[in-house]
Amino acid sequence: MFSHLFTGFPQRSFAKSLKLHVSLIGKSFSQHFYFVKFVLLGGRLFWLTLDSGKPRQRS
């Protein structure tokens, strides 16, 4: 379908590099996802400890 865009370009190596980039992006995305999850969980625990330390104002 897109072969006319890559005339004179080795298509096999392009597919290989594309697959490599996709796997790298997937890996870094999953790492960032777990990092964000960890940060959110830590922030929630931090706020919970702060809230329990001071007298409650909201129900």
C-alpha atoms as a PDB file:
ATOM      1  CA  MET A   1       0.000   0.000   0.000  1.00  0.00           C
ATOM      2  CA  PHE A   2       2.747   2.468   0.985  1.00  0.00           C
ATOM      3  CA  SER A   3       5.398   0.848  -1.196  1.00  0.00           C
ATOM      4  CA  HIS A   4       5.396   3.843  -3.570  1.00  0.00           C
ATOM      5  CA  LEU A   5       6.574   6.052  -0.690  1.00  0.00           C
ATOM      6  CA  PHE A   6       9.629   3.912  -0.054  1.00  0.00           C
ATOM      7  CA  THR A   7      10.955   3.434  -3.589  1.00  0.00           C
ATOM      8  CA  GLY A   8      14.699   2.876  -3.453  1.00  0.00           C
ATOM      9  CA  PHE A   9      14.467   2.138   0.262  1.00  0.00           C
ATOM     10  CA  PRO A  10      14.970  -1.453   1.488  1.00  0.00           C
ATOM     11  CA  GLN A  11      11.526  -2.389   2.694  1.00  0.00           C
ATOM     12  CA  ARG A  12      12.610  -5.344   4.828  1.00  0.00           C
ATOM     13  CA  SER A  13      14.978  -3.255   6.961  1.00  0.00           C
ATOM     14  CA  PHE A  14      12.324  -0.546   7.215  1.00  0.00           C
ATOM     15  CA  ALA A  15       9.818  -3.056   8.560  1.00  0.00           C
ATOM     16  CA  LYS A  16      12.432  -4.392  10.958  1.00  0.00           C
ATOM     17  CA  SER A  17      13.303  -0.931  12.275  1.00  0.00           C
ATOM     18  CA  LEU A  18       9.619  -0.038  12.524  1.00  0.00           C
ATOM     19  CA  LYS A  19       8.978  -3.183  14.563  1.00  0.00           C
ATOM     20  CA  LEU A  20      11.967  -2.364  16.767  1.00  0.00           C
ATOM     21  CA  HIS A  21      10.739   1.191  17.346  1.00  0.00           C
ATOM     22  CA  VAL A  22       7.234  -0.027  18.174  1.00  0.00           C
ATOM     23  CA  SER A  23       8.579  -2.532  20.708  1.00  0.00           C
ATOM     24  CA  LEU A  24      10.837   0.117  22.256  1.00  0.00           C
ATOM     25  CA  ILE A  25       7.948   2.580  22.486  1.00  0.00           C
ATOM     26  CA  GLY A  26       5.771  -0.118  24.024  1.00  0.00           C
ATOM     27  CA  LYS A  27       8.437  -0.956  26.602  1.00  0.00           C
ATOM     28  CA  SER A  28       9.036   2.658  27.590  1.00  0.00           C
ATOM     29  CA  PHE A  29       5.286   3.314  27.667  1.00  0.00           C
ATOM     30  CA  SER A  30       4.680   0.394  30.040  1.00  0.00           C
ATOM     31  CA  GLN A  31       7.564   1.563  32.233  1.00  0.00           C
ATOM     32  CA  HIS A  32       6.158   5.107  32.314  1.00  0.00           C
ATOM     33  CA  PHE A  33       2.693   3.714  33.034  1.00  0.00           C
ATOM     34  CA  TYR A  34       3.949   1.768  36.059  1.00  0.00           C
ATOM     35  CA  PHE A  35       5.973   4.783  37.196  1.00  0.00           C
ATOM     36  CA  VAL A  36       2.921   7.073  36.991  1.00  0.00           C
ATOM     37  CA  LYS A  37       0.828   4.452  38.791  1.00  0.00           C
ATOM     38  CA  PHE A  38       3.467   4.200  41.521  1.00  0.00           C
ATOM     39  CA  VAL A  39       3.659   8.002  41.876  1.00  0.00           C
ATOM     40  CA  LEU A  40      -0.129   8.317  42.053  1.00  0.00           C
ATOM     41  CA  LEU A  41      -0.330   5.558  44.651  1.00  0.00           C
ATOM     42  CA  GLY A  42       2.457   7.151  46.707  1.00  0.00           C
ATOM     43  CA  GLY A  43       0.783  10.558  46.476  1.00  0.00           C
ATOM     44  CA  ARG A  44      -2.538   9.106  47.585  1.00  0.00           C
ATOM     45  CA  LEU A  45      -0.920   7.369  50.577  1.00  0.00           C
ATOM     46  CA  PHE A  46       0.937  10.600  51.391  1.00  0.00           C
ATOM     47  CA  TRP A  47      -2.281  12.627  51.327  1.00  0.00           C
ATOM     48  CA  LEU A  48      -4.043   9.967  53.409  1.00  0.00           C
ATOM     49  CA  THR A  49      -1.351  10.161  56.102  1.00  0.00           C
ATOM     50  CA  LEU A  50      -1.536  13.977  56.027  1.00  0.00           C
ATOM     51  CA  ASP A  51      -5.326  13.845  56.325  1.00  0.00           C
ATOM     52  CA  SER A  52      -5.220  11.398  59.227  1.00  0.00           C
ATOM     53  CA  GLY A  53      -2.583  13.563  60.964  1.00  0.00           C
ATOM     54  CA  LYS A  54      -4.782  16.663  61.103  1.00  0.00           C
ATOM     55  CA  PRO A  55      -8.405  16.955  62.300  1.00  0.00           C
ATOM     56  CA  ARG A  56     -10.903  16.107  59.568  1.00  0.00           C
ATOM     57  CA  GLN A  57     -12.803  18.999  58.023  1.00  0.00           C
ATOM     58  CA  ARG A  58     -14.652  17.296  55.181  1.00  0.00           C
ATOM     59  CA  SER A  59     -16.954  14.356  55.715  1.00  0.00           C
END
